[in-house]
Amino acid sequence: MRKLSLAILTGILLFTACNSAKKPSNANFRKALNQYLQEHGQVCTWIGQTFPVDVSESDLKSNFGIGSKMAVLEQAGLVQSTETVATVPEIFGPSIQRRVKRYQPTAIGRQYLQQVQAPLGQSAGFCYGTKTVDSIIRWTEPAMIGPAPQSEVTYTYKISNLAPWAQRADVQNQFNDIRATVAGISKTDELAGLQLTNQGWEIPTR
């Protein structure tokens, strides 16, 4: 009877281990990736400066650069412009007063607006969704790397709550990063390194 009880207990323990959060499986890896992406998977495009954004007449005439980007964002309803006079720094010589278009976020734009500390100062941008796992393509057998087992997981993504303005052709033509991200939905393979912890599989964060 004792041997039977031990066999049953061993079977229960093995069954529990095989179904625990520590088991390498598509379901556990998907859960770990989505937990990480919920915190770090926001997709945004950055303009390299903060608002208000002043655009000179010469920049407005260019088909590329900040002038054309602001014009497209205004068409999409994220910013609005007014004409004013501002002090514009010159590459050579003192700053001078010039007529500019001054862009500010609209009420809709403020719903997507983010501001971060960039290497050259603060930068504003617009976030248009959050990545989540679409499918797990493959994963490597866990191997001891350092103090804990690790596995490399290849997956594809989709974007939850994809903003309508990010789907516009004119926006994607001006913002290559948006075009590449949206075009890669469910198609582009992404790679993540997962590590086994006491709580299960996680993506290490610094």
N, C-alpha and C. Protein backbone atom coordinates (compact mmCIF):
# COMPACT_ATOMS: atom_id res chain seq x y z
N MET A 1 0.82 -1.21 0.00
CA MET A 1 0.00 0.00 0.00
C MET A 1 0.86 1.26 0.00
N ARG A 2 1.98 1.18 0.82
CA ARG A 2 2.85 2.35 0.88
C ARG A 2 3.49 2.63 -0.47
N LYS A 3 3.92 1.51 -1.15
CA LYS A 3 4.53 1.69 -2.48
C LYS A 3 3.53 2.29 -3.45
N LEU A 4 2.27 1.87 -3.35
CA LEU A 4 1.23 2.40 -4.23
C LEU A 4 1.00 3.88 -3.98
N SER A 5 0.98 4.25 -2.69
CA SER A 5 0.79 5.66 -2.34
C SER A 5 1.93 6.52 -2.87
N LEU A 6 3.17 5.99 -2.74
CA LEU A 6 4.32 6.73 -3.25
C LEU A 6 4.26 6.88 -4.77
N ALA A 7 3.80 5.82 -5.44
CA ALA A 7 3.67 5.89 -6.90
C ALA A 7 2.64 6.92 -7.32
N ILE A 8 1.51 6.94 -6.58
CA ILE A 8 0.46 7.93 -6.88
C ILE A 8 0.97 9.34 -6.65
N LEU A 9 1.69 9.53 -5.52
CA LEU A 9 2.23 10.85 -5.19
C LEU A 9 3.23 11.31 -6.24
N THR A 10 4.10 10.36 -6.65
CA THR A 10 5.08 10.70 -7.68
C THR A 10 4.38 11.10 -8.97
N GLY A 11 3.33 10.35 -9.34
CA GLY A 11 2.57 10.69 -10.55
C GLY A 11 1.93 12.05 -10.47
N ILE A 12 1.38 12.39 -9.29
CA ILE A 12 0.76 13.71 -9.11
C ILE A 12 1.79 14.81 -9.24
N LEU A 13 2.96 14.59 -8.62
CA LEU A 13 4.01 15.61 -8.68
C LEU A 13 4.50 15.80 -10.11
N LEU A 14 4.67 14.70 -10.84
CA LEU A 14 5.10 14.81 -12.23
C LEU A 14 4.06 15.52 -13.09
N PHE A 15 2.78 15.20 -12.85
CA PHE A 15 1.69 15.84 -13.59
C PHE A 15 1.67 17.34 -13.32
N THR A 16 1.84 17.71 -12.05
CA THR A 16 1.85 19.14 -11.68
C THR A 16 3.02 19.86 -12.32
N ALA A 17 4.19 19.20 -12.31
CA ALA A 17 5.38 19.83 -12.89
C ALA A 17 5.21 20.06 -14.38
N CYS A 18 4.59 19.08 -15.06
CA CYS A 18 4.42 19.19 -16.51
C CYS A 18 3.42 20.27 -16.88
N ASN A 19 2.58 20.65 -15.97
CA ASN A 19 1.56 21.64 -16.26
C ASN A 19 1.80 22.95 -15.55
N SER A 20 2.98 23.13 -14.99
CA SER A 20 3.27 24.34 -14.24
C SER A 20 3.70 25.46 -15.17
N ALA A 21 3.80 26.64 -14.58
CA ALA A 21 4.23 27.81 -15.35
C ALA A 21 5.70 27.71 -15.75
N LYS A 22 6.42 26.74 -15.18
CA LYS A 22 7.84 26.61 -15.47
C LYS A 22 8.11 25.71 -16.67
N LYS A 23 7.08 25.06 -17.16
CA LYS A 23 7.26 24.18 -18.31
C LYS A 23 7.50 25.00 -19.58
N PRO A 24 8.51 24.62 -20.40
CA PRO A 24 8.66 25.31 -21.69
C PRO A 24 7.54 24.90 -22.64
N SER A 25 6.68 25.83 -22.97
CA SER A 25 5.55 25.52 -23.85
C SER A 25 5.10 26.78 -24.56
N ASN A 26 4.38 26.62 -25.65
CA ASN A 26 3.84 27.77 -26.39
C ASN A 26 2.99 28.65 -25.49
N ALA A 27 2.15 28.03 -24.66
CA ALA A 27 1.24 28.79 -23.81
C ALA A 27 2.00 29.62 -22.79
N ASN A 28 3.01 29.02 -22.15
CA ASN A 28 3.77 29.76 -21.14
C ASN A 28 4.62 30.86 -21.77
N PHE A 29 5.19 30.57 -22.93
CA PHE A 29 5.99 31.60 -23.60
C PHE A 29 5.10 32.74 -24.09
N ARG A 30 3.93 32.42 -24.61
CA ARG A 30 2.99 33.46 -25.04
C ARG A 30 2.61 34.36 -23.86
N LYS A 31 2.32 33.76 -22.72
CA LYS A 31 1.94 34.52 -21.54
C LYS A 31 3.08 35.45 -21.11
N ALA A 32 4.30 34.93 -21.08
CA ALA A 32 5.45 35.74 -20.67
C ALA A 32 5.69 36.89 -21.64
N LEU A 33 5.60 36.61 -22.94
CA LEU A 33 5.81 37.65 -23.94
C LEU A 33 4.74 38.74 -23.84
N ASN A 34 3.49 38.34 -23.69
CA ASN A 34 2.42 39.33 -23.60
C ASN A 34 2.52 40.18 -22.34
N GLN A 35 2.97 39.57 -21.23
CA GLN A 35 3.18 40.36 -20.01
C GLN A 35 4.25 41.41 -20.24
N TYR A 36 5.31 41.04 -20.95
CA TYR A 36 6.37 42.00 -21.26
C TYR A 36 5.88 43.07 -22.22
N LEU A 37 5.18 42.66 -23.27
CA LEU A 37 4.72 43.61 -24.29
C LEU A 37 3.67 44.57 -23.74
N GLN A 38 2.92 44.13 -22.73
CA GLN A 38 1.95 45.03 -22.12
C GLN A 38 2.64 46.23 -21.49
N GLU A 39 3.87 46.02 -21.02
CA GLU A 39 4.64 47.11 -20.39
C GLU A 39 5.55 47.82 -21.39
N HIS A 40 6.08 47.07 -22.36
CA HIS A 40 7.14 47.60 -23.22
C HIS A 40 6.84 47.52 -24.71
N GLY A 41 5.62 47.11 -25.08
CA GLY A 41 5.33 46.88 -26.48
C GLY A 41 4.62 48.01 -27.20
N GLN A 42 4.55 49.18 -26.57
CA GLN A 42 3.87 50.29 -27.23
C GLN A 42 4.67 50.73 -28.46
N VAL A 43 3.96 50.94 -29.58
CA VAL A 43 4.62 51.38 -30.81
C VAL A 43 4.31 52.86 -31.03
N CYS A 44 5.38 53.63 -31.23
CA CYS A 44 5.25 55.09 -31.34
C CYS A 44 6.16 55.60 -32.46
N THR A 45 5.84 56.77 -32.97
CA THR A 45 6.72 57.46 -33.89
C THR A 45 7.11 58.79 -33.26
N TRP A 46 8.37 59.17 -33.43
CA TRP A 46 8.91 60.34 -32.73
C TRP A 46 9.29 61.44 -33.71
N ILE A 47 9.08 62.67 -33.29
CA ILE A 47 9.39 63.79 -34.18
C ILE A 47 10.71 64.48 -33.86
N GLY A 48 11.36 64.11 -32.77
CA GLY A 48 12.70 64.62 -32.48
C GLY A 48 12.72 65.94 -31.76
N GLN A 49 11.57 66.50 -31.40
CA GLN A 49 11.50 67.74 -30.63
C GLN A 49 10.15 67.80 -29.92
N THR A 50 10.00 68.80 -29.09
CA THR A 50 8.76 68.93 -28.34
C THR A 50 7.87 69.99 -28.98
N PHE A 51 6.61 69.98 -28.57
CA PHE A 51 5.67 71.00 -29.03
C PHE A 51 5.79 72.25 -28.17
N PRO A 52 5.54 73.43 -28.76
CA PRO A 52 5.11 73.66 -30.15
C PRO A 52 6.24 73.44 -31.15
N VAL A 53 5.87 72.99 -32.34
CA VAL A 53 6.84 72.78 -33.42
C VAL A 53 6.67 73.92 -34.42
N ASP A 54 7.73 74.70 -34.59
CA ASP A 54 7.71 75.82 -35.55
C ASP A 54 8.37 75.38 -36.85
N VAL A 55 7.69 75.61 -37.96
CA VAL A 55 8.21 75.22 -39.27
C VAL A 55 8.31 76.46 -40.14
N SER A 56 9.51 76.70 -40.65
CA SER A 56 9.75 77.88 -41.47
C SER A 56 9.18 77.69 -42.87
N GLU A 57 9.10 78.78 -43.63
CA GLU A 57 8.55 78.73 -44.98
C GLU A 57 9.37 77.81 -45.89
N SER A 58 10.69 77.83 -45.74
CA SER A 58 11.53 76.97 -46.58
C SER A 58 11.28 75.49 -46.27
N ASP A 59 11.10 75.17 -44.99
CA ASP A 59 10.83 73.77 -44.61
C ASP A 59 9.45 73.34 -45.08
N LEU A 60 8.51 74.27 -45.13
CA LEU A 60 7.17 73.93 -45.60
C LEU A 60 7.15 73.52 -47.06
N LYS A 61 8.10 74.06 -47.83
CA LYS A 61 8.14 73.77 -49.27
C LYS A 61 8.79 72.42 -49.57
N SER A 62 9.46 71.84 -48.59
CA SER A 62 10.15 70.57 -48.81
C SER A 62 9.17 69.40 -48.75
N ASN A 63 9.43 68.40 -49.60
CA ASN A 63 8.59 67.20 -49.59
C ASN A 63 9.02 66.21 -48.52
N PHE A 64 10.11 66.51 -47.85
CA PHE A 64 10.61 65.64 -46.80
C PHE A 64 10.96 66.50 -45.59
N GLY A 65 11.15 65.86 -44.44
CA GLY A 65 11.54 66.59 -43.25
C GLY A 65 10.35 66.96 -42.38
N ILE A 66 10.63 67.83 -41.42
CA ILE A 66 9.63 68.15 -40.40
C ILE A 66 8.40 68.85 -40.99
N GLY A 67 8.60 69.66 -42.03
CA GLY A 67 7.47 70.38 -42.62
C GLY A 67 6.44 69.46 -43.21
N SER A 68 6.89 68.50 -44.01
CA SER A 68 5.96 67.57 -44.65
C SER A 68 5.34 66.62 -43.61
N LYS A 69 6.08 66.26 -42.59
CA LYS A 69 5.53 65.39 -41.54
C LYS A 69 4.41 66.10 -40.78
N MET A 70 4.65 67.36 -40.42
CA MET A 70 3.62 68.11 -39.69
C MET A 70 2.38 68.31 -40.56
N ALA A 71 2.59 68.55 -41.84
CA ALA A 71 1.45 68.74 -42.73
C ALA A 71 0.58 67.49 -42.80
N VAL A 72 1.21 66.33 -42.84
CA VAL A 72 0.46 65.07 -42.89
C VAL A 72 -0.25 64.82 -41.56
N LEU A 73 0.43 65.10 -40.46
CA LEU A 73 -0.21 64.92 -39.15
C LEU A 73 -1.40 65.86 -38.99
N GLU A 74 -1.32 67.05 -39.60
CA GLU A 74 -2.46 67.96 -39.55
C GLU A 74 -3.62 67.40 -40.39
N GLN A 75 -3.30 66.83 -41.54
CA GLN A 75 -4.34 66.20 -42.36
C GLN A 75 -5.02 65.06 -41.60
N ALA A 76 -4.24 64.37 -40.78
CA ALA A 76 -4.77 63.24 -40.01
C ALA A 76 -5.51 63.68 -38.75
N GLY A 77 -5.46 64.98 -38.43
CA GLY A 77 -6.19 65.49 -37.29
C GLY A 77 -5.47 65.45 -35.97
N LEU A 78 -4.14 65.17 -35.99
CA LEU A 78 -3.39 65.07 -34.73
C LEU A 78 -2.82 66.41 -34.28
N VAL A 79 -2.58 67.32 -35.23
CA VAL A 79 -2.04 68.64 -34.89
C VAL A 79 -2.82 69.70 -35.65
N GLN A 80 -2.69 70.93 -35.19
CA GLN A 80 -3.27 72.05 -35.92
C GLN A 80 -2.24 73.18 -35.94
N SER A 81 -2.30 74.01 -36.96
CA SER A 81 -1.28 75.03 -37.14
C SER A 81 -1.88 76.43 -37.08
N THR A 82 -1.03 77.36 -36.69
CA THR A 82 -1.34 78.79 -36.77
C THR A 82 -0.10 79.49 -37.32
N GLU A 83 -0.31 80.63 -37.96
CA GLU A 83 0.83 81.39 -38.47
C GLU A 83 1.24 82.42 -37.44
N THR A 84 2.54 82.53 -37.23
CA THR A 84 3.06 83.46 -36.24
C THR A 84 4.48 83.85 -36.62
N VAL A 85 5.09 84.69 -35.80
CA VAL A 85 6.49 85.09 -35.99
C VAL A 85 7.28 84.55 -34.80
N ALA A 86 8.42 83.92 -35.09
CA ALA A 86 9.22 83.34 -34.03
C ALA A 86 10.69 83.59 -34.30
N THR A 87 11.48 83.52 -33.25
CA THR A 87 12.92 83.65 -33.38
C THR A 87 13.48 82.32 -33.85
N VAL A 88 14.11 82.31 -35.00
CA VAL A 88 14.63 81.08 -35.61
C VAL A 88 16.15 81.12 -35.57
N PRO A 89 16.78 80.10 -34.96
CA PRO A 89 18.25 80.09 -34.95
C PRO A 89 18.82 79.85 -36.33
N GLU A 90 19.90 80.53 -36.65
CA GLU A 90 20.58 80.36 -37.93
C GLU A 90 21.84 79.53 -37.72
N ILE A 91 22.21 78.74 -38.75
CA ILE A 91 23.43 77.94 -38.64
C ILE A 91 24.64 78.86 -38.54
N PHE A 92 24.65 79.90 -39.35
CA PHE A 92 25.73 80.88 -39.30
C PHE A 92 25.11 82.24 -39.00
N GLY A 93 25.57 82.90 -37.98
CA GLY A 93 25.06 84.22 -37.65
C GLY A 93 24.02 84.17 -36.54
N PRO A 94 23.52 85.33 -36.13
CA PRO A 94 22.57 85.41 -35.02
C PRO A 94 21.17 84.94 -35.43
N SER A 95 20.36 84.61 -34.42
CA SER A 95 18.97 84.24 -34.68
C SER A 95 18.20 85.44 -35.19
N ILE A 96 17.20 85.15 -36.04
CA ILE A 96 16.40 86.23 -36.61
C ILE A 96 14.91 85.89 -36.49
N GLN A 97 14.10 86.90 -36.64
CA GLN A 97 12.65 86.72 -36.61
C GLN A 97 12.17 86.28 -38.00
N ARG A 98 11.37 85.21 -38.02
CA ARG A 98 10.83 84.71 -39.28
C ARG A 98 9.37 84.33 -39.09
N ARG A 99 8.64 84.36 -40.18
CA ARG A 99 7.28 83.86 -40.16
C ARG A 99 7.33 82.33 -40.19
N VAL A 100 6.53 81.70 -39.34
CA VAL A 100 6.54 80.24 -39.25
C VAL A 100 5.10 79.74 -39.11
N LYS A 101 4.94 78.47 -39.36
CA LYS A 101 3.73 77.77 -38.98
C LYS A 101 4.01 77.08 -37.65
N ARG A 102 3.18 77.35 -36.67
CA ARG A 102 3.37 76.76 -35.34
C ARG A 102 2.33 75.66 -35.15
N TYR A 103 2.81 74.46 -34.91
CA TYR A 103 1.94 73.29 -34.75
C TYR A 103 1.80 72.91 -33.28
N GLN A 104 0.57 72.62 -32.88
CA GLN A 104 0.26 72.14 -31.55
C GLN A 104 -0.65 70.92 -31.66
N PRO A 105 -0.59 69.99 -30.69
CA PRO A 105 -1.49 68.82 -30.75
C PRO A 105 -2.95 69.24 -30.60
N THR A 106 -3.82 68.55 -31.30
CA THR A 106 -5.26 68.74 -31.14
C THR A 106 -5.73 67.88 -29.96
N ALA A 107 -7.02 67.98 -29.65
CA ALA A 107 -7.58 67.14 -28.59
C ALA A 107 -7.42 65.66 -28.94
N ILE A 108 -7.60 65.32 -30.21
CA ILE A 108 -7.39 63.93 -30.65
C ILE A 108 -5.92 63.56 -30.53
N GLY A 109 -5.05 64.46 -30.97
CA GLY A 109 -3.61 64.19 -30.91
C GLY A 109 -3.11 63.95 -29.50
N ARG A 110 -3.67 64.66 -28.53
CA ARG A 110 -3.22 64.51 -27.14
C ARG A 110 -3.56 63.12 -26.59
N GLN A 111 -4.54 62.44 -27.20
CA GLN A 111 -4.86 61.08 -26.76
C GLN A 111 -3.72 60.10 -27.08
N TYR A 112 -2.92 60.43 -28.11
CA TYR A 112 -1.84 59.55 -28.54
C TYR A 112 -0.45 60.11 -28.19
N LEU A 113 -0.40 61.32 -27.67
CA LEU A 113 0.86 62.02 -27.46
C LEU A 113 1.67 61.41 -26.32
N GLN A 114 2.98 61.26 -26.58
CA GLN A 114 3.93 60.82 -25.56
C GLN A 114 5.14 61.74 -25.63
N GLN A 115 5.84 61.84 -24.52
CA GLN A 115 7.06 62.63 -24.50
C GLN A 115 8.11 61.88 -23.71
N VAL A 116 9.31 61.74 -24.28
CA VAL A 116 10.38 60.98 -23.64
C VAL A 116 11.66 61.81 -23.62
N GLN A 117 12.59 61.39 -22.78
CA GLN A 117 13.89 62.02 -22.74
C GLN A 117 14.79 61.33 -23.75
N ALA A 118 15.16 62.03 -24.79
CA ALA A 118 16.02 61.50 -25.84
C ALA A 118 17.46 61.96 -25.58
N PRO A 119 18.45 61.36 -26.29
CA PRO A 119 19.85 61.74 -26.08
C PRO A 119 20.12 63.23 -26.25
N LEU A 120 19.40 63.89 -27.18
CA LEU A 120 19.65 65.31 -27.45
C LEU A 120 18.58 66.20 -26.83
N GLY A 121 17.84 65.69 -25.86
CA GLY A 121 16.78 66.47 -25.22
C GLY A 121 15.45 65.75 -25.31
N GLN A 122 14.42 66.39 -24.88
CA GLN A 122 13.11 65.75 -24.89
C GLN A 122 12.55 65.67 -26.32
N SER A 123 11.80 64.61 -26.56
CA SER A 123 11.20 64.40 -27.87
C SER A 123 9.74 64.01 -27.69
N ALA A 124 8.88 64.59 -28.50
CA ALA A 124 7.46 64.24 -28.49
C ALA A 124 7.17 63.28 -29.63
N GLY A 125 6.13 62.50 -29.47
CA GLY A 125 5.74 61.57 -30.52
C GLY A 125 4.31 61.11 -30.30
N PHE A 126 3.86 60.28 -31.21
CA PHE A 126 2.49 59.77 -31.14
C PHE A 126 2.54 58.24 -31.15
N CYS A 127 1.87 57.63 -30.17
CA CYS A 127 1.81 56.18 -30.07
C CYS A 127 0.51 55.68 -30.68
N TYR A 128 0.60 54.58 -31.41
CA TYR A 128 -0.56 54.17 -32.21
C TYR A 128 -1.00 52.72 -31.94
N GLY A 129 -0.52 52.11 -30.88
CA GLY A 129 -0.98 50.77 -30.53
C GLY A 129 0.04 50.05 -29.68
N THR A 130 -0.28 48.82 -29.32
CA THR A 130 0.60 47.99 -28.50
C THR A 130 0.72 46.61 -29.12
N LYS A 131 1.95 46.13 -29.23
CA LYS A 131 2.17 44.80 -29.79
C LYS A 131 1.69 43.72 -28.82
N THR A 132 1.10 42.67 -29.37
CA THR A 132 0.80 41.45 -28.64
C THR A 132 1.21 40.28 -29.52
N VAL A 133 1.33 39.11 -28.91
CA VAL A 133 1.77 37.93 -29.65
C VAL A 133 0.65 37.45 -30.57
N ASP A 134 0.99 37.24 -31.83
CA ASP A 134 0.05 36.64 -32.77
C ASP A 134 0.24 35.12 -32.78
N SER A 135 1.47 34.67 -32.99
CA SER A 135 1.73 33.23 -32.96
C SER A 135 3.17 32.96 -32.54
N ILE A 136 3.38 31.84 -31.87
CA ILE A 136 4.72 31.37 -31.53
C ILE A 136 5.21 30.52 -32.70
N ILE A 137 6.32 30.89 -33.29
CA ILE A 137 6.85 30.18 -34.46
C ILE A 137 7.70 28.99 -34.02
N ARG A 138 8.64 29.25 -33.12
CA ARG A 138 9.52 28.19 -32.63
C ARG A 138 10.24 28.68 -31.38
N TRP A 139 10.83 27.74 -30.66
CA TRP A 139 11.65 28.09 -29.50
C TRP A 139 12.74 27.04 -29.32
N THR A 140 13.83 27.49 -28.72
CA THR A 140 14.95 26.58 -28.50
C THR A 140 14.75 25.84 -27.18
N GLU A 141 15.31 24.65 -27.10
CA GLU A 141 15.26 23.90 -25.86
C GLU A 141 15.98 24.69 -24.77
N PRO A 142 15.39 24.80 -23.59
CA PRO A 142 16.03 25.57 -22.52
C PRO A 142 17.44 25.06 -22.23
N ALA A 143 18.36 25.99 -22.04
CA ALA A 143 19.75 25.66 -21.73
C ALA A 143 20.24 26.58 -20.62
N MET A 144 21.12 26.06 -19.78
CA MET A 144 21.67 26.86 -18.68
C MET A 144 22.61 27.91 -19.26
N ILE A 145 22.24 29.17 -19.13
CA ILE A 145 23.09 30.28 -19.52
C ILE A 145 23.18 31.19 -18.31
N GLY A 146 24.31 31.15 -17.62
CA GLY A 146 24.40 31.88 -16.37
C GLY A 146 23.69 31.10 -15.27
N PRO A 147 22.96 31.80 -14.40
CA PRO A 147 22.36 31.13 -13.24
C PRO A 147 21.04 30.42 -13.50
N ALA A 148 20.44 30.60 -14.70
CA ALA A 148 19.09 30.07 -14.91
C ALA A 148 18.92 29.58 -16.35
N PRO A 149 17.98 28.63 -16.57
CA PRO A 149 17.71 28.18 -17.93
C PRO A 149 17.13 29.31 -18.78
N GLN A 150 17.52 29.33 -20.05
CA GLN A 150 17.02 30.34 -20.97
C GLN A 150 16.61 29.69 -22.28
N SER A 151 15.69 30.35 -22.97
CA SER A 151 15.21 29.86 -24.26
C SER A 151 15.01 31.07 -25.18
N GLU A 152 15.33 30.89 -26.46
CA GLU A 152 15.06 31.93 -27.45
C GLU A 152 13.76 31.60 -28.17
N VAL A 153 12.84 32.55 -28.16
CA VAL A 153 11.51 32.34 -28.71
C VAL A 153 11.31 33.25 -29.92
N THR A 154 10.91 32.67 -31.03
CA THR A 154 10.59 33.43 -32.24
C THR A 154 9.08 33.50 -32.37
N TYR A 155 8.56 34.72 -32.58
CA TYR A 155 7.11 34.90 -32.64
C TYR A 155 6.76 35.98 -33.65
N THR A 156 5.50 36.02 -34.02
CA THR A 156 4.99 37.14 -34.81
C THR A 156 4.04 37.95 -33.93
N TYR A 157 3.80 39.21 -34.33
CA TYR A 157 2.99 40.10 -33.50
C TYR A 157 1.78 40.61 -34.26
N LYS A 158 0.83 41.06 -33.49
CA LYS A 158 -0.26 41.88 -34.01
C LYS A 158 -0.30 43.13 -33.14
N ILE A 159 -1.10 44.11 -33.52
CA ILE A 159 -1.17 45.36 -32.75
C ILE A 159 -2.59 45.54 -32.25
N SER A 160 -2.72 45.63 -30.94
CA SER A 160 -4.03 45.88 -30.36
C SER A 160 -4.32 47.37 -30.39
N ASN A 161 -5.56 47.71 -30.64
CA ASN A 161 -6.00 49.12 -30.67
C ASN A 161 -5.19 49.95 -31.66
N LEU A 162 -4.98 49.41 -32.86
CA LEU A 162 -4.24 50.15 -33.88
C LEU A 162 -5.01 51.42 -34.26
N ALA A 163 -4.34 52.56 -34.09
CA ALA A 163 -4.99 53.85 -34.33
C ALA A 163 -5.34 54.00 -35.81
N PRO A 164 -6.53 54.50 -36.13
CA PRO A 164 -6.92 54.67 -37.53
C PRO A 164 -5.95 55.54 -38.32
N TRP A 165 -5.41 56.59 -37.70
CA TRP A 165 -4.53 57.49 -38.44
C TRP A 165 -3.24 56.80 -38.87
N ALA A 166 -2.81 55.77 -38.13
CA ALA A 166 -1.58 55.06 -38.49
C ALA A 166 -1.78 54.16 -39.70
N GLN A 167 -3.03 53.94 -40.09
CA GLN A 167 -3.32 53.11 -41.25
C GLN A 167 -3.41 53.92 -42.54
N ARG A 168 -3.36 55.25 -42.42
CA ARG A 168 -3.46 56.12 -43.59
C ARG A 168 -2.20 56.00 -44.47
N ALA A 169 -2.41 55.96 -45.79
CA ALA A 169 -1.28 55.84 -46.71
C ALA A 169 -0.37 57.07 -46.64
N ASP A 170 -0.95 58.28 -46.51
CA ASP A 170 -0.11 59.48 -46.48
C ASP A 170 0.76 59.52 -45.22
N VAL A 171 0.22 59.05 -44.10
CA VAL A 171 1.01 59.00 -42.86
C VAL A 171 2.14 57.99 -43.02
N GLN A 172 1.84 56.82 -43.55
CA GLN A 172 2.86 55.80 -43.71
C GLN A 172 3.93 56.21 -44.71
N ASN A 173 3.56 56.99 -45.72
CA ASN A 173 4.56 57.47 -46.68
C ASN A 173 5.56 58.42 -46.04
N GLN A 174 5.12 59.19 -45.06
CA GLN A 174 6.00 60.15 -44.40
C GLN A 174 6.75 59.53 -43.21
N PHE A 175 6.14 58.52 -42.59
CA PHE A 175 6.75 57.90 -41.41
C PHE A 175 7.07 56.44 -41.74
N ASN A 176 8.32 56.21 -42.16
CA ASN A 176 8.73 54.87 -42.58
C ASN A 176 8.61 53.85 -41.46
N ASP A 177 8.84 54.29 -40.22
CA ASP A 177 8.77 53.36 -39.10
C ASP A 177 7.34 52.84 -38.91
N ILE A 178 6.36 53.70 -39.10
CA ILE A 178 4.96 53.26 -39.00
C ILE A 178 4.65 52.27 -40.12
N ARG A 179 5.08 52.60 -41.33
CA ARG A 179 4.81 51.72 -42.47
C ARG A 179 5.41 50.33 -42.23
N ALA A 180 6.66 50.29 -41.76
CA ALA A 180 7.32 49.00 -41.55
C ALA A 180 6.64 48.19 -40.45
N THR A 181 6.24 48.86 -39.37
CA THR A 181 5.60 48.15 -38.26
C THR A 181 4.23 47.61 -38.66
N VAL A 182 3.43 48.44 -39.31
CA VAL A 182 2.09 48.01 -39.71
C VAL A 182 2.17 46.92 -40.78
N ALA A 183 3.12 47.05 -41.70
CA ALA A 183 3.27 46.05 -42.75
C ALA A 183 3.74 44.71 -42.18
N GLY A 184 4.40 44.75 -41.02
CA GLY A 184 4.93 43.53 -40.42
C GLY A 184 3.96 42.78 -39.54
N ILE A 185 2.73 43.28 -39.38
CA ILE A 185 1.75 42.62 -38.53
C ILE A 185 1.52 41.19 -39.02
N SER A 186 1.70 40.22 -38.13
CA SER A 186 1.48 38.79 -38.40
C SER A 186 2.43 38.22 -39.45
N LYS A 187 3.45 39.02 -39.88
CA LYS A 187 4.37 38.55 -40.92
C LYS A 187 5.82 38.56 -40.46
N THR A 188 6.18 39.54 -39.67
CA THR A 188 7.58 39.72 -39.29
C THR A 188 7.92 38.88 -38.06
N ASP A 189 8.98 38.08 -38.16
CA ASP A 189 9.45 37.30 -37.01
C ASP A 189 10.23 38.19 -36.06
N GLU A 190 9.91 38.08 -34.78
CA GLU A 190 10.66 38.79 -33.75
C GLU A 190 11.23 37.76 -32.79
N LEU A 191 12.39 38.09 -32.21
CA LEU A 191 13.11 37.15 -31.35
C LEU A 191 13.22 37.72 -29.95
N ALA A 192 12.95 36.89 -28.95
CA ALA A 192 13.06 37.32 -27.55
C ALA A 192 13.75 36.23 -26.74
N GLY A 193 14.60 36.65 -25.81
CA GLY A 193 15.25 35.72 -24.90
C GLY A 193 14.49 35.64 -23.60
N LEU A 194 14.01 34.45 -23.23
CA LEU A 194 13.25 34.26 -22.00
C LEU A 194 14.08 33.49 -20.99
N GLN A 195 13.87 33.81 -19.73
CA GLN A 195 14.62 33.19 -18.65
C GLN A 195 13.65 32.60 -17.63
N LEU A 196 13.99 31.43 -17.10
CA LEU A 196 13.15 30.76 -16.12
C LEU A 196 13.44 31.32 -14.72
N THR A 197 12.38 31.75 -14.02
CA THR A 197 12.50 32.25 -12.66
C THR A 197 11.61 31.42 -11.74
N ASN A 198 11.59 31.79 -10.48
CA ASN A 198 10.73 31.08 -9.53
C ASN A 198 9.26 31.24 -9.87
N GLN A 199 8.92 32.32 -10.57
CA GLN A 199 7.52 32.59 -10.93
C GLN A 199 7.15 32.04 -12.29
N GLY A 200 8.11 31.50 -13.01
CA GLY A 200 7.87 31.04 -14.37
C GLY A 200 8.78 31.73 -15.36
N TRP A 201 8.39 31.76 -16.63
CA TRP A 201 9.21 32.34 -17.68
C TRP A 201 9.01 33.84 -17.76
N GLU A 202 10.13 34.57 -17.93
CA GLU A 202 10.08 36.03 -18.02
C GLU A 202 11.11 36.51 -19.02
N ILE A 203 10.89 37.71 -19.55
CA ILE A 203 11.94 38.40 -20.32
C ILE A 203 12.69 39.28 -19.33
N PRO A 204 14.00 39.07 -19.15
CA PRO A 204 14.75 39.88 -18.19
C PRO A 204 14.73 41.35 -18.58
N THR A 205 14.52 42.21 -17.60
CA THR A 205 14.58 43.65 -17.82
C THR A 205 15.67 44.25 -16.95
N ARG A 206 16.34 45.24 -17.49
CA ARG A 206 17.43 45.87 -16.75
C ARG A 206 16.90 47.00 -15.88
